[in-house]
PDB file of all heavy atoms in Angstrom:
ATOM      1  N   LYS A   1      -6.742 -12.179   0.900  1.00  0.00           N
ATOM      2  CA  LYS A   1      -7.922 -12.902   0.429  1.00  0.00           C
ATOM      3  C   LYS A   1      -9.226 -12.421   1.076  1.00  0.00           C
ATOM      4  O   LYS A   1     -10.306 -12.822   0.670  1.00  0.00           O
ATOM      5  CB  LYS A   1      -7.760 -14.396   0.729  1.00  0.00           C
ATOM      6  CG  LYS A   1      -6.883 -15.139  -0.258  1.00  0.00           C
ATOM      7  CD  LYS A   1      -6.864 -16.620   0.094  1.00  0.00           C
ATOM      8  CE  LYS A   1      -6.162 -17.425  -0.979  1.00  0.00           C
ATOM      9  NZ  LYS A   1      -6.137 -18.865  -0.653  1.00  0.00           N
ATOM     10  N   ALA A   2      -9.137 -11.573   2.102  1.00  0.00           N
ATOM     11  CA  ALA A   2     -10.327 -11.188   2.872  1.00  0.00           C
ATOM     12  C   ALA A   2     -11.414 -10.579   1.999  1.00  0.00           C
ATOM     13  O   ALA A   2     -12.578 -10.970   2.061  1.00  0.00           O
ATOM     14  CB  ALA A   2      -9.925 -10.221   3.990  1.00  0.00           C
ATOM     15  N   ASN A   3     -11.062  -9.604   1.155  1.00  0.00           N
ATOM     16  CA  ASN A   3     -12.022  -8.975   0.243  1.00  0.00           C
ATOM     17  C   ASN A   3     -11.234  -8.144  -0.770  1.00  0.00           C
ATOM     18  O   ASN A   3     -10.002  -8.096  -0.719  1.00  0.00           O
ATOM     19  CB  ASN A   3     -13.029  -8.082   0.998  1.00  0.00           C
ATOM     20  CG  ASN A   3     -12.334  -7.105   1.929  1.00  0.00           C
ATOM     21  OD1 ASN A   3     -11.387  -6.428   1.543  1.00  0.00           O
ATOM     22  ND2 ASN A   3     -12.790  -7.044   3.176  1.00  0.00           N
ATOM     23  N   LYS A   4     -11.952  -7.494  -1.692  1.00  0.00           N
ATOM     24  CA  LYS A   4     -11.244  -6.767  -2.756  1.00  0.00           C
ATOM     25  C   LYS A   4     -10.453  -5.581  -2.186  1.00  0.00           C
ATOM     26  O   LYS A   4      -9.378  -5.255  -2.678  1.00  0.00           O
ATOM     27  CB  LYS A   4     -12.213  -6.295  -3.836  1.00  0.00           C
ATOM     28  CG  LYS A   4     -13.119  -5.138  -3.446  1.00  0.00           C
ATOM     29  CD  LYS A   4     -13.845  -4.546  -4.644  1.00  0.00           C
ATOM     30  CE  LYS A   4     -14.638  -3.308  -4.228  1.00  0.00           C
ATOM     31  NZ  LYS A   4     -15.290  -2.643  -5.339  1.00  0.00           N
ATOM     32  N   GLU A   5     -10.987  -4.915  -1.133  1.00  0.00           N
ATOM     33  CA  GLU A   5     -10.257  -3.792  -0.536  1.00  0.00           C
ATOM     34  C   GLU A   5      -8.954  -4.260   0.099  1.00  0.00           C
ATOM     35  O   GLU A   5      -7.929  -3.583   0.018  1.00  0.00           O
ATOM     36  CB  GLU A   5     -11.123  -3.080   0.523  1.00  0.00           C
ATOM     37  CG  GLU A   5     -12.234  -2.195  -0.047  1.00  0.00           C
ATOM     38  CD  GLU A   5     -13.424  -3.003  -0.559  1.00  0.00           C
ATOM     39  OE1 GLU A   5     -13.551  -4.200  -0.166  1.00  0.00           O
ATOM     40  OE2 GLU A   5     -14.213  -2.459  -1.343  1.00  0.00           O
ATOM     41  N   ALA A   6      -8.988  -5.441   0.733  1.00  0.00           N
ATOM     42  CA  ALA A   6      -7.775  -5.977   1.352  1.00  0.00           C
ATOM     43  C   ALA A   6      -6.715  -6.258   0.299  1.00  0.00           C
ATOM     44  O   ALA A   6      -5.525  -6.015   0.507  1.00  0.00           O
ATOM     45  CB  ALA A   6      -8.101  -7.248   2.133  1.00  0.00           C
ATOM     46  N   TYR A   7      -7.143  -6.772  -0.867  1.00  0.00           N
ATOM     47  CA  TYR A   7      -6.200  -7.117  -1.930  1.00  0.00           C
ATOM     48  C   TYR A   7      -5.696  -5.873  -2.658  1.00  0.00           C
ATOM     49  O   TYR A   7      -4.494  -5.693  -2.853  1.00  0.00           O
ATOM     50  CB  TYR A   7      -6.856  -8.074  -2.925  1.00  0.00           C
ATOM     51  CG  TYR A   7      -5.895  -8.629  -3.948  1.00  0.00           C
ATOM     52  CD1 TYR A   7      -5.201  -9.804  -3.706  1.00  0.00           C
ATOM     53  CD2 TYR A   7      -5.652  -7.965  -5.147  1.00  0.00           C
ATOM     54  CE1 TYR A   7      -4.293 -10.321  -4.631  1.00  0.00           C
ATOM     55  CE2 TYR A   7      -4.755  -8.456  -6.070  1.00  0.00           C
ATOM     56  CZ  TYR A   7      -4.082  -9.641  -5.809  1.00  0.00           C
ATOM     57  OH  TYR A   7      -3.189 -10.125  -6.726  1.00  0.00           O
ATOM     58  N   LEU A   8      -6.624  -5.009  -3.060  1.00  0.00           N
ATOM     59  CA  LEU A   8      -6.260  -3.884  -3.927  1.00  0.00           C
ATOM     60  C   LEU A   8      -5.774  -2.665  -3.157  1.00  0.00           C
ATOM     61  O   LEU A   8      -5.010  -1.857  -3.681  1.00  0.00           O
ATOM     62  CB  LEU A   8      -7.462  -3.494  -4.807  1.00  0.00           C
ATOM     63  CG  LEU A   8      -7.988  -4.600  -5.736  1.00  0.00           C
ATOM     64  CD1 LEU A   8      -9.239  -4.118  -6.461  1.00  0.00           C
ATOM     65  CD2 LEU A   8      -6.919  -5.019  -6.737  1.00  0.00           C
ATOM     66  N   LEU A   9      -6.226  -2.488  -1.895  1.00  0.00           N
ATOM     67  CA  LEU A   9      -5.887  -1.291  -1.126  1.00  0.00           C
ATOM     68  C   LEU A   9      -5.264  -1.608   0.236  1.00  0.00           C
ATOM     69  O   LEU A   9      -5.107  -0.707   1.069  1.00  0.00           O
ATOM     70  CB  LEU A   9      -7.145  -0.425  -0.916  1.00  0.00           C
ATOM     71  CG  LEU A   9      -7.883   0.050  -2.169  1.00  0.00           C
ATOM     72  CD1 LEU A   9      -9.140   0.813  -1.779  1.00  0.00           C
ATOM     73  CD2 LEU A   9      -6.985   0.924  -3.039  1.00  0.00           C
ATOM     74  N   GLY A  10      -4.933  -2.860   0.487  1.00  0.00           N
ATOM     75  CA  GLY A  10      -4.365  -3.219   1.789  1.00  0.00           C
ATOM     76  C   GLY A  10      -5.343  -3.023   2.929  1.00  0.00           C
ATOM     77  O   GLY A  10      -4.937  -2.866   4.089  1.00  0.00           O
ATOM     78  N   GLY A  11      -6.658  -3.011   2.597  1.00  0.00           N
ATOM     79  CA  GLY A  11      -7.683  -2.836   3.629  1.00  0.00           C
ATOM     80  C   GLY A  11      -7.707  -1.442   4.226  1.00  0.00           C
ATOM     81  O   GLY A  11      -8.317  -1.217   5.279  1.00  0.00           O
ATOM     82  N   ASN A  12      -7.052  -0.449   3.578  1.00  0.00           N
ATOM     83  CA  ASN A  12      -6.942   0.923   4.097  1.00  0.00           C
ATOM     84  C   ASN A  12      -6.438   0.954   5.538  1.00  0.00           C
ATOM     85  O   ASN A  12      -6.877   1.760   6.363  1.00  0.00           O
ATOM     86  CB  ASN A  12      -8.294   1.661   4.003  1.00  0.00           C
ATOM     87  CG  ASN A  12      -8.720   1.903   2.581  1.00  0.00           C
ATOM     88  OD1 ASN A  12      -9.726   1.359   2.132  1.00  0.00           O
ATOM     89  ND2 ASN A  12      -7.963   2.688   1.848  1.00  0.00           N
ATOM     90  N   THR A  13      -5.493   0.065   5.846  1.00  0.00           N
ATOM     91  CA  THR A  13      -4.930  -0.007   7.200  1.00  0.00           C
ATOM     92  C   THR A  13      -3.436   0.297   7.229  1.00  0.00           C
ATOM     93  O   THR A  13      -2.843   0.352   8.300  1.00  0.00           O
ATOM     94  CB  THR A  13      -5.147  -1.416   7.802  1.00  0.00           C
ATOM     95  OG1 THR A  13      -4.488  -2.384   6.965  1.00  0.00           O
ATOM     96  CG2 THR A  13      -6.626  -1.760   7.900  1.00  0.00           C
ATOM     97  N   LEU A  14      -2.830   0.495   6.070  1.00  0.00           N
ATOM     98  CA  LEU A  14      -1.374   0.688   6.016  1.00  0.00           C
ATOM     99  C   LEU A  14      -0.995   2.102   6.472  1.00  0.00           C
ATOM    100  O   LEU A  14      -1.654   3.080   6.088  1.00  0.00           O
ATOM    101  CB  LEU A  14      -0.874   0.455   4.589  1.00  0.00           C
ATOM    102  CG  LEU A  14      -1.083  -0.974   4.067  1.00  0.00           C
ATOM    103  CD1 LEU A  14      -0.927  -1.019   2.559  1.00  0.00           C
ATOM    104  CD2 LEU A  14      -0.106  -1.937   4.738  1.00  0.00           C
ATOM    105  N   PRO A  15       0.046   2.251   7.303  1.00  0.00           N
ATOM    106  CA  PRO A  15       0.438   3.583   7.782  1.00  0.00           C
ATOM    107  C   PRO A  15       0.984   4.455   6.650  1.00  0.00           C
ATOM    108  O   PRO A  15       1.564   3.956   5.691  1.00  0.00           O
ATOM    109  CB  PRO A  15       1.526   3.282   8.822  1.00  0.00           C
ATOM    110  CG  PRO A  15       2.009   1.911   8.510  1.00  0.00           C
ATOM    111  CD  PRO A  15       0.871   1.179   7.873  1.00  0.00           C
ATOM    112  N   TRP A  16       0.810   5.780   6.800  1.00  0.00           N
ATOM    113  CA  TRP A  16       1.172   6.710   5.725  1.00  0.00           C
ATOM    114  C   TRP A  16       2.663   6.666   5.409  1.00  0.00           C
ATOM    115  O   TRP A  16       3.057   6.806   4.254  1.00  0.00           O
ATOM    116  CB  TRP A  16       0.744   8.143   6.071  1.00  0.00           C
ATOM    117  CG  TRP A  16       1.357   8.727   7.310  1.00  0.00           C
ATOM    118  CD1 TRP A  16       0.851   8.700   8.575  1.00  0.00           C
ATOM    119  CD2 TRP A  16       2.601   9.453   7.396  1.00  0.00           C
ATOM    120  NE1 TRP A  16       1.684   9.346   9.444  1.00  0.00           N
ATOM    121  CE2 TRP A  16       2.768   9.823   8.751  1.00  0.00           C
ATOM    122  CE3 TRP A  16       3.579   9.815   6.477  1.00  0.00           C
ATOM    123  CZ2 TRP A  16       3.869  10.541   9.199  1.00  0.00           C
ATOM    124  CZ3 TRP A  16       4.682  10.527   6.912  1.00  0.00           C
ATOM    125  CH2 TRP A  16       4.823  10.883   8.263  1.00  0.00           C
ATOM    126  N   TYR A  17       3.514   6.463   6.421  1.00  0.00           N
ATOM    127  CA  TYR A  17       4.957   6.454   6.158  1.00  0.00           C
ATOM    128  C   TYR A  17       5.368   5.211   5.367  1.00  0.00           C
ATOM    129  O   TYR A  17       6.282   5.278   4.531  1.00  0.00           O
ATOM    130  CB  TYR A  17       5.756   6.573   7.454  1.00  0.00           C
ATOM    131  CG  TYR A  17       5.322   5.623   8.548  1.00  0.00           C
ATOM    132  CD1 TYR A  17       5.799   4.320   8.608  1.00  0.00           C
ATOM    133  CD2 TYR A  17       4.416   6.042   9.516  1.00  0.00           C
ATOM    134  CE1 TYR A  17       5.386   3.451   9.604  1.00  0.00           C
ATOM    135  CE2 TYR A  17       4.000   5.174  10.521  1.00  0.00           C
ATOM    136  CZ  TYR A  17       4.487   3.882  10.561  1.00  0.00           C
ATOM    137  OH  TYR A  17       4.074   3.022  11.536  1.00  0.00           O
ATOM    138  N   ALA A  18       4.693   4.073   5.614  1.00  0.00           N
ATOM    139  CA  ALA A  18       4.988   2.863   4.831  1.00  0.00           C
ATOM    140  C   ALA A  18       4.542   3.053   3.381  1.00  0.00           C
ATOM    141  O   ALA A  18       5.253   2.677   2.440  1.00  0.00           O
ATOM    142  CB  ALA A  18       4.304   1.650   5.445  1.00  0.00           C
ATOM    143  N   LEU A  19       3.360   3.654   3.189  1.00  0.00           N
ATOM    144  CA  LEU A  19       2.871   3.934   1.832  1.00  0.00           C
ATOM    145  C   LEU A  19       3.789   4.929   1.128  1.00  0.00           C
ATOM    146  O   LEU A  19       4.048   4.805  -0.075  1.00  0.00           O
ATOM    147  CB  LEU A  19       1.446   4.481   1.886  1.00  0.00           C
ATOM    148  CG  LEU A  19       0.338   3.463   2.163  1.00  0.00           C
ATOM    149  CD1 LEU A  19      -0.965   4.173   2.522  1.00  0.00           C
ATOM    150  CD2 LEU A  19       0.122   2.556   0.961  1.00  0.00           C
ATOM    151  N   GLY A  20       4.281   5.931   1.878  1.00  0.00           N
ATOM    152  CA  GLY A  20       5.202   6.908   1.290  1.00  0.00           C
ATOM    153  C   GLY A  20       6.505   6.269   0.852  1.00  0.00           C
ATOM    154  O   GLY A  20       6.997   6.530  -0.253  1.00  0.00           O
ATOM    155  N   LEU A  21       7.080   5.413   1.706  1.00  0.00           N
ATOM    156  CA  LEU A  21       8.293   4.684   1.338  1.00  0.00           C
ATOM    157  C   LEU A  21       8.046   3.789   0.135  1.00  0.00           C
ATOM    158  O   LEU A  21       8.877   3.674  -0.769  1.00  0.00           O
ATOM    159  CB  LEU A  21       8.783   3.839   2.509  1.00  0.00           C
ATOM    160  CG  LEU A  21       9.544   4.548   3.627  1.00  0.00           C
ATOM    161  CD1 LEU A  21       9.833   3.585   4.767  1.00  0.00           C
ATOM    162  CD2 LEU A  21      10.842   5.143   3.103  1.00  0.00           C
ATOM    163  N   SER A  22       6.861   3.145   0.124  1.00  0.00           N
ATOM    164  CA  SER A  22       6.511   2.260  -0.984  1.00  0.00           C
ATOM    165  C   SER A  22       6.393   3.041  -2.286  1.00  0.00           C
ATOM    166  O   SER A  22       6.911   2.625  -3.328  1.00  0.00           O
ATOM    167  CB  SER A  22       5.194   1.551  -0.678  1.00  0.00           C
ATOM    168  OG  SER A  22       4.740   0.815  -1.789  1.00  0.00           O
ATOM    169  N   ASN A  23       5.725   4.189  -2.231  1.00  0.00           N
ATOM    170  CA  ASN A  23       5.556   5.002  -3.436  1.00  0.00           C
ATOM    171  C   ASN A  23       6.905   5.505  -3.931  1.00  0.00           C
ATOM    172  O   ASN A  23       7.181   5.518  -5.139  1.00  0.00           O
ATOM    173  CB  ASN A  23       4.629   6.187  -3.132  1.00  0.00           C
ATOM    174  CG  ASN A  23       3.771   6.571  -4.314  1.00  0.00           C
ATOM    175  OD1 ASN A  23       3.695   5.855  -5.304  1.00  0.00           O
ATOM    176  ND2 ASN A  23       3.123   7.711  -4.217  1.00  0.00           N
ATOM    177  N   ALA A  24       7.774   5.921  -2.989  1.00  0.00           N
ATOM    178  CA  ALA A  24       9.114   6.374  -3.366  1.00  0.00           C
ATOM    179  C   ALA A  24       9.901   5.239  -4.017  1.00  0.00           C
ATOM    180  O   ALA A  24      10.567   5.438  -5.036  1.00  0.00           O
ATOM    181  CB  ALA A  24       9.849   6.888  -2.127  1.00  0.00           C
ATOM    182  N   SER A  25       9.794   4.048  -3.441  1.00  0.00           N
ATOM    183  CA  SER A  25      10.506   2.899  -4.007  1.00  0.00           C
ATOM    184  C   SER A  25      10.001   2.578  -5.403  1.00  0.00           C
ATOM    185  O   SER A  25      10.774   2.231  -6.299  1.00  0.00           O
ATOM    186  CB  SER A  25      10.329   1.669  -3.105  1.00  0.00           C
ATOM    187  OG  SER A  25      10.942   1.873  -1.862  1.00  0.00           O
ATOM    188  N   GLY A  26       8.684   2.693  -5.596  1.00  0.00           N
ATOM    189  CA  GLY A  26       8.098   2.431  -6.905  1.00  0.00           C
ATOM    190  C   GLY A  26       8.589   3.386  -7.978  1.00  0.00           C
ATOM    191  O   GLY A  26       8.655   3.039  -9.158  1.00  0.00           O
ATOM    192  N   MET A  27       8.968   4.610  -7.558  1.00  0.00           N
ATOM    193  CA  MET A  27       9.475   5.605  -8.512  1.00  0.00           C
ATOM    194  C   MET A  27      10.980   5.447  -8.749  1.00  0.00           C
ATOM    195  O   MET A  27      11.540   6.061  -9.649  1.00  0.00           O
ATOM    196  CB  MET A  27       9.177   7.013  -7.991  1.00  0.00           C
ATOM    197  CG  MET A  27       7.697   7.318  -7.911  1.00  0.00           C
ATOM    198  SD  MET A  27       7.382   8.903  -7.113  1.00  0.00           S
ATOM    199  CE  MET A  27       5.588   8.855  -6.989  1.00  0.00           C
ATOM    200  N   PHE A  28      11.640   4.641  -7.918  1.00  0.00           N
ATOM    201  CA  PHE A  28      13.082   4.423  -8.002  1.00  0.00           C
ATOM    202  C   PHE A  28      13.338   3.247  -8.943  1.00  0.00           C
ATOM    203  O   PHE A  28      13.951   2.253  -8.567  1.00  0.00           O
ATOM    204  CB  PHE A  28      13.609   4.109  -6.596  1.00  0.00           C
ATOM    205  CG  PHE A  28      15.044   4.513  -6.372  1.00  0.00           C
ATOM    206  CD1 PHE A  28      15.443   5.010  -5.142  1.00  0.00           C
ATOM    207  CD2 PHE A  28      15.996   4.393  -7.371  1.00  0.00           C
ATOM    208  CE1 PHE A  28      16.762   5.368  -4.910  1.00  0.00           C
ATOM    209  CE2 PHE A  28      17.307   4.744  -7.155  1.00  0.00           C
ATOM    210  CZ  PHE A  28      17.695   5.243  -5.909  1.00  0.00           C
ATOM    211  N   ASP A  29      12.860   3.353 -10.170  1.00  0.00           N
ATOM    212  CA  ASP A  29      12.927   2.216 -11.095  1.00  0.00           C
ATOM    213  C   ASP A  29      14.244   2.207 -11.871  1.00  0.00           C
ATOM    214  O   ASP A  29      14.927   3.220 -11.984  1.00  0.00           O
ATOM    215  CB  ASP A  29      11.750   2.257 -12.077  1.00  0.00           C
ATOM    216  CG  ASP A  29      11.831   3.472 -12.985  1.00  0.00           C
ATOM    217  OD1 ASP A  29      11.850   4.593 -12.459  1.00  0.00           O
ATOM    218  OD2 ASP A  29      11.891   3.303 -14.207  1.00  0.00           O
TER     219      ASP A  29
END
């Protein structure tokens, strides 16, 4: 709820390996 970046982009604070795992999971449909 902090701002639009926090909602839409996670506040640009998420580590690259978590984003990579997330992107991989998103492709594992």
